[in-house]
Protein backbone atom coordinates (compact mmCIF):
# COMPACT_ATOMS: atom_id res chain seq x y z
CA MET A 1 -29.46 39.26 -31.16
CA LYS A 2 -29.58 36.28 -33.43
CA THR A 3 -26.14 35.19 -32.26
CA GLY A 4 -27.27 35.35 -28.62
CA ALA A 5 -30.32 33.18 -29.32
CA GLN A 6 -28.19 30.63 -31.11
CA HIS A 7 -25.79 30.57 -28.16
CA VAL A 8 -28.68 29.87 -25.76
CA ILE A 9 -29.97 27.05 -27.96
CA VAL A 10 -26.53 25.47 -28.27
CA SER A 11 -25.91 25.68 -24.52
CA ARG A 12 -29.27 24.06 -23.78
CA VAL A 13 -28.61 21.26 -26.25
CA LEU A 14 -25.18 20.62 -24.74
CA ARG A 15 -26.62 20.65 -21.23
CA TRP A 16 -29.31 18.20 -22.30
CA LEU A 17 -26.67 15.93 -23.85
CA ARG A 18 -24.64 16.00 -20.63
CA VAL A 19 -27.72 15.09 -18.61
CA LEU A 20 -28.54 12.33 -21.06
CA ARG A 21 -25.02 10.94 -20.78
CA GLN A 22 -25.12 11.00 -16.98
CA ASP A 23 -28.50 9.26 -16.90
CA LEU A 24 -28.09 6.60 -19.58
CA TRP A 25 -24.36 6.14 -20.21
CA THR A 26 -23.75 4.05 -17.10
CA VAL A 27 -23.51 0.46 -15.97
CA ARG A 28 -24.11 1.03 -12.25
CA ALA A 29 -26.22 -1.51 -10.42
CA ASN A 30 -29.82 -0.63 -9.58
CA PRO A 31 -31.09 -3.56 -7.53
CA LEU A 32 -34.72 -4.05 -6.69
CA PRO A 33 -35.73 -2.85 -3.23
CA PRO A 34 -35.86 -5.60 -0.61
CA SER A 35 -39.29 -7.14 -0.39
CA VAL A 36 -40.88 -10.14 1.28
CA TRP A 37 -42.59 -11.02 -1.98
CA LEU A 38 -39.28 -11.18 -3.85
CA ARG A 39 -38.00 -13.84 -1.46
CA TRP A 40 -40.98 -16.03 -2.35
CA LEU A 41 -40.67 -15.45 -6.10
CA PRO A 42 -38.65 -18.67 -6.77
CA HIS A 43 -41.21 -20.69 -4.82
CA GLY A 44 -43.99 -19.16 -6.87
CA VAL A 45 -42.21 -20.04 -10.11
CA VAL A 46 -41.73 -23.65 -8.98
CA CYS A 47 -45.39 -23.95 -7.95
CA LEU A 48 -46.44 -22.58 -11.34
CA ALA A 49 -44.17 -25.12 -13.06
CA ALA A 50 -45.65 -27.87 -10.87
CA PHE A 51 -49.12 -26.86 -12.00
CA GLY A 52 -48.01 -27.11 -15.64
CA ILE A 53 -46.42 -30.53 -15.02
CA GLY A 54 -49.64 -31.79 -13.46
CA LEU A 55 -51.72 -30.57 -16.40
CA GLY A 56 -49.29 -32.06 -18.93
CA ASP A 57 -49.20 -35.45 -17.23
CA MET A 58 -52.97 -35.51 -16.90
CA ALA A 59 -53.48 -34.63 -20.58
CA GLN A 60 -51.04 -37.31 -21.77
CA LEU A 61 -52.61 -40.02 -19.60
CA GLN A 62 -56.12 -39.07 -20.63
CA ASP A 63 -55.59 -38.51 -24.36
CA ASN A 64 -52.86 -40.99 -25.29
CA GLY A 65 -53.22 -43.43 -22.42
CA GLN A 66 -57.00 -43.71 -22.72
CA LEU A 67 -57.45 -43.29 -18.95
CA GLY A 68 -60.53 -41.88 -17.36
CA SER A 69 -60.48 -38.27 -16.27
CA GLY A 70 -60.64 -39.15 -12.58
CA VAL A 71 -57.59 -41.43 -12.62
CA ALA A 72 -55.66 -39.09 -14.93
CA VAL A 73 -56.35 -36.10 -12.70
CA LEU A 74 -55.28 -38.07 -9.62
CA ILE A 75 -51.97 -39.18 -11.16
CA GLY A 76 -51.22 -35.75 -12.68
CA ALA A 77 -52.00 -34.05 -9.38
CA GLY A 78 -49.60 -36.46 -7.66
CA GLN A 79 -46.74 -35.46 -9.97
CA GLY A 80 -47.53 -31.75 -9.60
CA VAL A 81 -47.77 -31.93 -5.81
CA ALA A 82 -44.50 -33.88 -5.67
CA THR A 83 -42.76 -31.14 -7.67
CA ALA A 84 -43.94 -28.36 -5.35
CA PHE A 85 -43.60 -30.40 -2.15
CA ALA A 86 -39.92 -31.09 -2.94
CA LEU A 87 -39.13 -27.50 -1.92
CA TRP A 88 -39.87 -28.37 1.70
CA ARG A 89 -39.86 -32.19 2.00
CA PRO A 90 -37.75 -33.73 -0.79
CA ILE A 91 -37.81 -37.33 0.48
CA PRO A 92 -41.64 -37.60 0.82
CA ALA A 93 -41.90 -35.80 -2.53
CA TRP A 94 -39.65 -38.47 -4.08
CA TRP A 95 -41.87 -41.24 -2.73
CA LEU A 96 -44.95 -39.46 -4.08
CA SER A 97 -43.35 -39.12 -7.52
CA ILE A 98 -42.42 -42.83 -7.58
CA ALA A 99 -45.94 -43.77 -6.48
CA ALA A 100 -47.55 -41.60 -9.18
CA THR A 101 -45.24 -43.07 -11.84
CA VAL A 102 -45.95 -46.69 -10.82
CA THR A 103 -49.69 -46.01 -10.62
CA GLY A 104 -49.74 -44.45 -14.07
CA ALA A 105 -47.63 -47.26 -15.58
CA VAL A 106 -49.91 -49.95 -14.13
CA ALA A 107 -53.08 -48.11 -15.17
CA VAL A 108 -51.92 -47.61 -18.75
CA HIS A 109 -50.33 -51.07 -19.16
CA SER A 110 -53.51 -52.85 -20.27
CA ARG A 111 -54.29 -50.16 -22.85
CA LEU A 112 -50.89 -50.14 -24.56
CA GLY A 113 -51.14 -51.18 -28.23
CA ALA A 114 -54.93 -50.90 -28.25
CA GLN A 115 -54.79 -48.33 -31.04
CA ALA A 116 -52.55 -48.99 -33.99
CA GLY A 117 -49.95 -46.37 -34.78
CA GLU A 118 -49.95 -44.80 -31.32
CA HIS A 119 -46.94 -45.55 -29.14
CA PHE A 120 -47.37 -44.34 -25.55
CA THR A 121 -44.26 -43.32 -23.59
CA TRP A 122 -43.97 -45.99 -20.92
CA PRO A 123 -43.24 -46.53 -18.05
CA TRP A 124 -42.34 -42.83 -17.58
CA THR A 125 -44.42 -40.09 -19.13
CA GLY A 126 -42.67 -36.95 -20.37
CA ALA A 127 -44.10 -34.80 -17.56
CA GLY A 128 -43.32 -37.56 -15.06
CA ILE A 129 -39.65 -37.57 -16.09
CA VAL A 130 -39.41 -33.78 -15.65
CA ALA A 131 -41.10 -33.92 -12.24
CA HIS A 132 -38.94 -36.77 -10.98
CA LEU A 133 -35.71 -35.15 -12.18
CA PHE A 134 -36.59 -31.94 -10.34
CA VAL A 135 -37.39 -33.89 -7.18
CA LEU A 136 -34.10 -35.82 -7.40
CA LEU A 137 -32.15 -32.58 -7.89
CA LEU A 138 -33.63 -30.94 -4.79
CA LEU A 139 -33.18 -34.16 -2.83
CA SER A 140 -29.49 -34.48 -3.71
CA LEU A 141 -28.93 -30.81 -2.88
CA ARG A 142 -30.36 -31.15 0.63
CA VAL A 143 -29.59 -34.63 1.95
CA ARG A 144 -26.49 -36.74 2.44
CA THR A 145 -24.78 -38.37 -0.51
CA ARG A 146 -25.74 -41.85 0.69
CA VAL A 147 -29.44 -40.94 0.74
CA SER A 148 -29.20 -39.52 -2.78
CA ALA A 149 -27.51 -42.71 -4.00
CA GLU A 150 -30.22 -44.82 -2.37
CA ALA A 151 -32.97 -42.80 -4.05
CA LEU A 152 -31.24 -43.14 -7.42
CA ALA A 153 -30.81 -46.89 -6.94
CA LEU A 154 -34.50 -47.38 -6.09
CA THR A 155 -35.51 -45.25 -9.08
CA THR A 156 -33.38 -47.48 -11.31
CA LEU A 157 -34.79 -50.63 -9.69
CA VAL A 158 -38.41 -49.53 -10.16
CA THR A 159 -37.73 -48.68 -13.80
CA TYR A 160 -36.06 -52.05 -14.37
CA VAL A 161 -38.93 -53.97 -12.75
CA LEU A 162 -41.55 -52.15 -14.81
CA GLN A 163 -39.80 -52.18 -18.15
CA GLY A 164 -37.27 -54.99 -17.97
CA MET A 165 -39.12 -57.63 -15.98
CA TRP A 166 -42.81 -56.88 -16.43
CA GLY A 167 -42.65 -55.37 -19.90
CA ALA A 168 -45.52 -54.14 -22.03
CA PRO A 169 -46.91 -54.32 -25.57
CA THR A 170 -45.92 -51.82 -28.22
CA HIS A 171 -44.79 -48.56 -26.61
CA SER A 172 -42.06 -45.90 -26.68
CA SER A 173 -39.58 -46.94 -24.02
CA THR A 174 -38.47 -44.15 -21.68
CA GLY A 175 -36.79 -46.20 -18.96
CA VAL A 176 -33.19 -45.85 -20.17
CA VAL A 177 -33.57 -42.12 -20.79
CA ALA A 178 -35.14 -41.59 -17.37
CA VAL A 179 -32.38 -43.52 -15.58
CA CYS A 180 -29.53 -41.79 -17.46
CA LEU A 181 -30.96 -38.34 -16.80
CA SER A 182 -31.50 -39.26 -13.15
CA VAL A 183 -27.83 -40.21 -12.80
CA VAL A 184 -26.74 -36.89 -14.32
CA VAL A 185 -29.07 -34.90 -12.07
CA VAL A 186 -28.02 -36.70 -8.89
CA VAL A 187 -24.31 -36.31 -9.66
CA LEU A 188 -24.86 -32.61 -10.37
CA GLY A 189 -26.78 -32.13 -7.13
CA ILE A 190 -24.12 -33.94 -5.08
CA ALA A 191 -21.38 -31.81 -6.66
CA LEU A 192 -23.25 -28.57 -5.97
CA ARG A 193 -23.97 -29.62 -2.41
CA GLY A 194 -20.31 -30.50 -1.82
CA ARG A 195 -19.22 -27.15 -3.22
CA ARG A 196 -21.67 -25.31 -1.00
CA GLU A 197 -20.54 -27.21 2.10
CA ALA A 198 -16.90 -26.57 1.24
CA ARG A 199 -17.54 -22.84 0.93
CA ALA A 200 -19.45 -22.81 4.21
CA GLU A 201 -16.62 -24.67 5.94
CA LEU A 202 -14.09 -22.26 4.46
CA GLY A 203 -16.14 -19.34 5.79
CA ARG A 204 -16.23 -20.90 9.26
CA GLN A 205 -12.49 -21.55 9.19
CA THR A 206 -11.84 -17.99 8.03
CA THR A 207 -13.97 -16.62 10.87
CA MET A 208 -12.22 -18.83 13.41
CA THR A 209 -8.83 -17.81 12.03
CA ALA A 210 -9.71 -14.11 12.26
CA GLU A 211 -10.96 -14.52 15.84
CA GLU A 212 -7.87 -16.50 16.80
CA ARG A 213 -5.62 -13.89 15.19
CA ALA A 214 -7.39 -11.11 17.10
CA ARG A 215 -7.14 -13.06 20.35
CA ARG A 216 -3.45 -13.81 19.78
CA THR A 217 -2.70 -10.19 18.92
CA LEU A 218 -4.47 -9.03 22.06
CA LEU A 219 -2.57 -11.51 24.22
CA GLU A 220 0.73 -10.50 22.65
CA GLU A 221 0.00 -6.85 23.38
CA ARG A 222 -0.96 -7.68 26.96
CA ASN A 223 2.26 -9.65 27.40
CA ARG A 224 4.21 -6.71 26.04
CA ILE A 225 2.49 -4.38 28.50
CA ALA A 226 3.15 -6.85 31.30
CA ARG A 227 6.85 -6.96 30.45
CA GLU A 228 7.06 -3.18 30.47
CA LEU A 229 5.22 -2.93 33.79
CA HIS A 230 7.49 -5.56 35.28
CA ASP A 231 10.44 -3.42 34.22
CA VAL A 232 8.99 -0.41 36.01
CA VAL A 233 8.18 -2.36 39.17
CA ALA A 234 11.62 -3.97 39.17
CA HIS A 235 13.22 -0.55 38.93
CA HIS A 236 11.19 0.66 41.90
CA MET A 237 12.23 -2.36 43.94
CA SER A 238 15.88 -1.75 43.05
CA VAL A 239 15.66 1.82 44.31
CA ILE A 240 13.91 0.73 47.51
CA SER A 241 16.72 -1.74 48.18
CA ILE A 242 19.40 0.87 47.54
CA GLN A 243 17.70 3.52 49.66
CA ALA A 244 17.33 1.02 52.50
CA GLN A 245 21.05 0.31 52.26
CA VAL A 246 22.06 4.00 52.11
CA ALA A 247 19.62 5.28 54.77
CA PRO A 248 21.66 4.22 57.86
CA HIS A 249 24.62 6.21 56.57
CA LEU A 250 22.53 9.38 56.42
CA VAL A 251 21.72 9.29 60.13
CA GLU A 252 24.33 9.87 62.81
CA ASN A 253 24.51 6.97 65.29
CA PRO A 254 21.40 5.15 64.03
CA PRO A 255 19.82 2.79 66.59
CA ASP A 256 20.08 -0.96 66.08
CA GLU A 257 16.31 -1.26 65.60
CA LEU A 258 16.47 1.15 62.65
CA LYS A 259 19.37 -0.76 61.10
CA GLU A 260 17.51 -4.05 61.57
CA ASN A 261 14.29 -2.72 60.00
CA LEU A 262 16.14 -1.18 57.08
CA ALA A 263 18.06 -4.42 56.56
CA GLY A 264 14.75 -6.30 56.52
CA ILE A 265 13.34 -3.86 53.98
CA ARG A 266 16.41 -4.32 51.80
CA GLN A 267 16.26 -8.11 52.07
CA ASN A 268 12.55 -8.23 51.18
CA ALA A 269 13.11 -5.86 48.27
CA LEU A 270 15.96 -8.00 46.94
CA GLU A 271 13.87 -11.17 47.22
CA ALA A 272 10.95 -9.51 45.45
CA LEU A 273 13.31 -8.20 42.79
CA THR A 274 14.71 -11.70 42.22
CA GLU A 275 11.21 -13.11 41.76
CA LEU A 276 10.24 -10.27 39.44
CA ARG A 277 13.32 -10.83 37.30
CA ARG A 278 12.55 -14.54 37.12
CA VAL A 279 8.98 -13.83 35.97
CA LEU A 280 10.24 -11.16 33.60
CA GLY A 281 12.68 -13.61 32.04
CA VAL A 282 9.84 -16.06 31.38
CA LEU A 283 7.68 -13.34 29.84
CA ARG A 284 10.49 -12.14 27.60
CA ALA A 285 11.66 -15.58 26.51
CA GLU A 286 10.56 -16.79 23.09
CA HIS A 287 10.67 -20.37 24.46
CA PRO A 288 9.21 -20.09 28.01
CA ASP A 289 8.97 -23.87 28.29
CA ARG A 290 12.62 -24.19 27.17
CA PRO A 291 14.38 -21.12 28.60
CA ALA A 292 17.81 -22.47 27.73
CA LEU A 293 17.19 -22.26 24.00
CA PRO A 294 18.38 -19.08 22.32
CA ASP A 295 15.98 -16.73 20.59
CA GLN A 296 16.60 -14.53 17.59
CA ALA A 297 18.87 -12.28 19.59
CA GLY A 298 21.02 -15.21 20.56
CA THR A 299 19.92 -15.37 24.18
CA GLY A 300 17.07 -16.89 26.06
CA ALA A 301 15.41 -13.53 26.64
CA ALA A 302 14.91 -10.29 24.86
CA PRO A 303 17.49 -7.55 25.35
CA HIS A 304 16.80 -5.25 28.29
CA ALA A 305 16.60 -2.03 26.35
CA PRO A 306 15.50 1.15 28.16
CA GLN A 307 11.79 1.83 27.76
CA PRO A 308 10.98 4.98 25.75
CA THR A 309 9.56 8.09 27.42
CA LEU A 310 7.99 11.28 26.15
CA ASP A 311 11.47 12.80 25.89
CA ARG A 312 11.93 10.62 22.82
CA LEU A 313 8.71 11.78 21.17
CA PRO A 314 10.51 14.36 18.94
CA ALA A 315 12.89 11.61 17.80
CA LEU A 316 9.90 9.42 16.96
CA VAL A 317 8.44 12.24 14.87
CA GLU A 318 11.76 12.71 13.07
CA ASN A 319 11.96 9.00 12.29
CA THR A 320 8.44 9.13 10.90
CA ARG A 321 9.38 12.09 8.70
CA ALA A 322 12.35 10.11 7.42
CA ALA A 323 9.91 7.35 6.42
CA GLY A 324 8.14 9.81 4.10
CA LEU A 325 5.28 11.16 6.23
CA THR A 326 4.87 14.90 6.72
CA VAL A 327 4.16 15.20 10.44
CA THR A 328 4.22 18.06 12.94
CA LEU A 329 4.44 17.96 16.73
CA LYS A 330 2.78 20.47 19.05
CA VAL A 331 3.16 20.39 22.84
CA ILE A 332 0.66 22.32 24.96
CA GLY A 333 1.43 23.03 28.58
CA LYS A 334 4.64 22.82 30.55
CA ARG A 335 6.64 19.64 30.24
CA ARG A 336 6.56 17.79 33.52
CA SER A 337 7.53 14.36 34.65
CA LEU A 338 4.84 11.68 34.60
CA PRO A 339 4.69 8.14 35.97
CA PRO A 340 6.79 5.83 33.79
CA GLY A 341 3.79 3.73 32.79
CA VAL A 342 1.93 6.81 31.56
CA GLU A 343 4.87 8.11 29.53
CA LEU A 344 5.45 4.69 28.00
CA SER A 345 1.78 4.21 27.11
CA VAL A 346 1.45 7.66 25.53
CA TYR A 347 4.61 7.05 23.52
CA ARG A 348 3.33 3.66 22.30
CA ILE A 349 -0.07 5.12 21.35
CA VAL A 350 1.56 7.85 19.25
CA GLN A 351 3.92 5.30 17.72
CA GLU A 352 1.10 2.95 16.70
CA ALA A 353 -1.07 5.81 15.38
CA LEU A 354 1.75 7.12 13.18
CA SER A 355 2.44 3.60 11.95
CA ASN A 356 -1.23 3.28 10.96
CA VAL A 357 -1.00 6.54 9.01
CA LEU A 358 2.05 5.26 7.14
CA ARG A 359 0.33 1.98 6.30
CA HIS A 360 -3.22 3.09 5.54
CA ALA A 361 -3.00 6.74 4.41
CA PRO A 362 -0.19 7.13 1.85
CA GLY A 363 0.44 10.73 0.88
CA ALA A 364 -1.42 12.14 3.88
CA THR A 365 -0.08 14.62 6.42
CA ALA A 366 -0.28 14.13 10.17
CA ARG A 367 -0.09 16.31 13.23
CA VAL A 368 0.61 15.14 16.77
CA GLN A 369 -0.60 17.21 19.70
CA LEU A 370 0.45 16.51 23.29
CA ASP A 371 -1.41 18.39 26.02
CA TYR A 372 -0.23 18.39 29.63
CA GLY A 373 -3.44 19.02 31.55
CA ALA A 374 -4.03 19.55 35.23
CA ASN A 375 -5.47 16.06 35.80
CA GLY A 376 -3.78 14.08 33.08
CA VAL A 377 -2.18 14.04 29.68
CA ALA A 378 -4.05 14.08 26.36
CA VAL A 379 -2.63 13.17 22.99
CA SER A 380 -4.11 13.19 19.51
CA VAL A 381 -2.85 12.09 16.10
CA VAL A 382 -4.81 13.56 13.18
CA ASN A 383 -4.10 12.73 9.54
CA SER A 384 -5.56 14.17 6.36
CA ARG A 385 -7.15 12.32 3.46
CA PRO A 386 -4.72 9.98 1.64
CA THR A 387 -3.75 11.07 -1.85
CA ARG A 388 -3.52 7.53 -3.27
CA PRO A 389 -4.91 4.08 -2.48
CA ALA A 390 -3.22 2.22 0.32
CA PRO A 391 -1.28 -0.92 -0.69
CA PRO A 392 -2.26 -4.27 0.84
CA SER A 393 -0.98 -4.37 4.40
CA PRO A 394 0.25 -7.56 6.09
CA GLY A 395 -0.75 -6.16 9.49
CA THR A 396 -3.34 -7.80 11.69
CA GLY A 397 -5.53 -4.71 11.94
CA HIS A 398 -5.68 -4.81 15.75
CA GLY A 399 -3.49 -1.84 16.62
CA LEU A 400 -6.40 -0.01 18.21
CA LEU A 401 -6.92 -2.94 20.57
CA GLY A 402 -3.42 -2.48 21.94
CA MET A 403 -3.94 1.27 22.33
CA ARG A 404 -7.17 0.75 24.25
CA GLU A 405 -5.59 -1.93 26.43
CA ARG A 406 -2.84 0.48 27.47
CA ALA A 407 -5.21 3.36 28.15
CA VAL A 408 -7.79 1.30 30.07
CA MET A 409 -5.02 -0.24 32.18
CA LEU A 410 -4.17 3.28 33.42
CA GLY A 411 -7.78 4.43 33.80
CA GLY A 412 -7.86 6.31 30.50
CA ALA A 413 -9.58 5.93 27.16
CA VAL A 414 -8.80 5.92 23.44
CA PHE A 415 -11.10 7.29 20.74
CA ALA A 416 -10.72 6.66 17.00
CA HIS A 417 -13.03 8.05 14.32
CA PRO A 418 -12.93 9.40 10.75
CA ASN A 419 -12.90 13.16 10.21
CA GLU A 420 -16.10 14.51 8.71
CA ASN A 421 -14.50 17.55 7.07
CA ASP A 422 -11.41 16.37 5.20
CA GLY A 423 -11.86 12.61 5.03
CA GLY A 424 -8.93 11.91 7.34
CA TYR A 425 -8.76 10.04 10.63
CA THR A 426 -8.24 10.95 14.29
CA VAL A 427 -6.87 8.89 17.15
CA SER A 428 -7.00 10.56 20.55
CA ALA A 429 -6.32 9.37 24.07
CA PHE A 430 -6.52 10.72 27.61
CA ILE A 431 -4.75 9.19 30.59
CA PRO A 432 -5.35 10.61 34.07
CA VAL A 433 -2.35 11.32 36.26
CA ALA A 434 -2.43 11.62 40.03
CA VAL A 435 -0.99 14.94 41.19
CA LEU A 436 2.03 14.63 43.51
CA ALA A 437 2.51 16.67 46.61
CA ASP A 438 3.84 20.18 46.10
CA GLY A 439 7.51 20.25 45.22
CA LEU A 440 7.78 16.54 44.43
CA THR A 441 8.56 15.26 40.97
CA TYR A 442 9.49 12.06 39.21
CA ALA A 443 13.26 11.66 38.87
CA ARG A 444 15.38 8.96 37.29
CA ARG A 445 18.21 7.99 39.64
CA THR A 446 20.70 5.16 40.12
CA PRO A 447 23.46 4.65 42.71
CA ASP A 448 27.13 5.00 41.89
CA ALA A 449 29.98 3.05 43.45
CA THR A 450 29.82 5.12 46.64
CA GLY A 451 26.11 4.60 47.12
CA ALA A 452 25.17 8.17 46.22
CA LEU A 453 22.24 8.78 43.87
CA THR A 454 23.30 10.12 40.47
CA GLY A 455 21.73 10.55 37.05
CA ASP A 456 20.06 7.36 35.88
CA THR A 457 21.01 5.29 32.87
CA GLN A 458 18.95 2.23 33.73
CA GLY A 459 15.50 3.77 34.08
CA HIS A 460 15.11 3.52 37.88
CA VAL A 461 12.47 5.88 39.25
CA VAL A 462 12.17 7.56 42.67
CA TYR A 463 10.31 10.52 44.05
CA VAL A 464 12.59 13.39 45.08
CA ASP A 465 12.29 16.95 46.22
CA PRO A 466 14.47 19.16 43.99
CA ALA A 467 14.72 21.79 46.69
CA THR A 468 16.43 19.44 49.14
CA ASP A 469 18.05 17.05 46.66
CA PRO A 470 20.01 19.04 44.07
CA LYS A 471 21.18 15.82 42.39
CA GLY A 472 17.69 15.00 41.22
CA ASP A 473 17.63 14.69 37.44
CA THR A 474 14.00 15.39 36.65
CA ALA A 475 12.56 13.70 33.60
């Protein structure tokens, strides 16, 4: 029984020590709650200091300077008001401080040396020096450098006129000290103001650079989409031209009007195809203003590689696995052919989402789900929580912009959000697809030397009926 009681006591003591360690053994920040009064706290401190400066100046003028209470109060109040007023109007406050100093120096001048053994600080009182230095500091922090230099020069001139030219009987000279301290304060204020302006300018430049980078990334993605769409349209025009050329041979004894119309269709298609290829060459060129210059590939345009389709999605997943990411692919619904733009956009969205997982979620797992719905295709890329911090990435951080551009262009949408349960991330997209007539499908075809339509290797797209066209190679 005694052992059980001791165990309870020891456990309570240990629990109390753990609580004590959690509560007190910490250096976490505990800032004060935001308050309107806290914002005015520095102003209150300055006003309190101004009140003390006014009292100190008044006491020195009245006791050591032998001034009457009325004049001493007036001059001391002038220095105190100048100190507080400098928070809002530094230039008028500087004039008020100069006026109070000159008034006090003139009022005390006739009384200097009246009492033996007492040396009054002249022409600047101790409180007057403190007040004027504070005013000069705020002035140099808030106005141009030229204005600060002018105020310092006039302060020096006033001091020289009072002490160097007018002079006074026996006194403790404060002119040199006041001028030297004023120079130090003004230089400090100018330096702090320059540093603040430099940081503000750097912030503006950083913001402009980020906006320009985002705009450039968006334009580059739009140009990439435009190039891909031009490829698709050019392929369609090629097939139209070929079909118009082959069609007369499929009809026995075609009339001349039919031949003429088909020839016109072929000619218009070829002309449109020529213009499209010219525009496509400009879009693909790295030097559109100098198309003759070679790019990195050694030509004036990018290589005409076939655009990827959803048939290459498993290969994309395998390549991602080879890069070190554990990823699974799940396809829901029956694989069917889709418009080339839709297949290309879905492929690019999955590609960018997996790239983001590799860059920003090291050690995570990902799953790709492709759903062939009745009215469109949906895709989602879900990754788990990363197991280690992500290294700094040189990317621009605008991959989602490109995804959304592709989806919106086709009437779809992209959604990206963190997962509430496991701390991962989800990127999903839906792109609507118009349903073709019964029995029709998308097929990739190209003509051979005889003009017949065979399996495509160039990406040309036509609509065919598999029941009547056994050569159709459905995607």
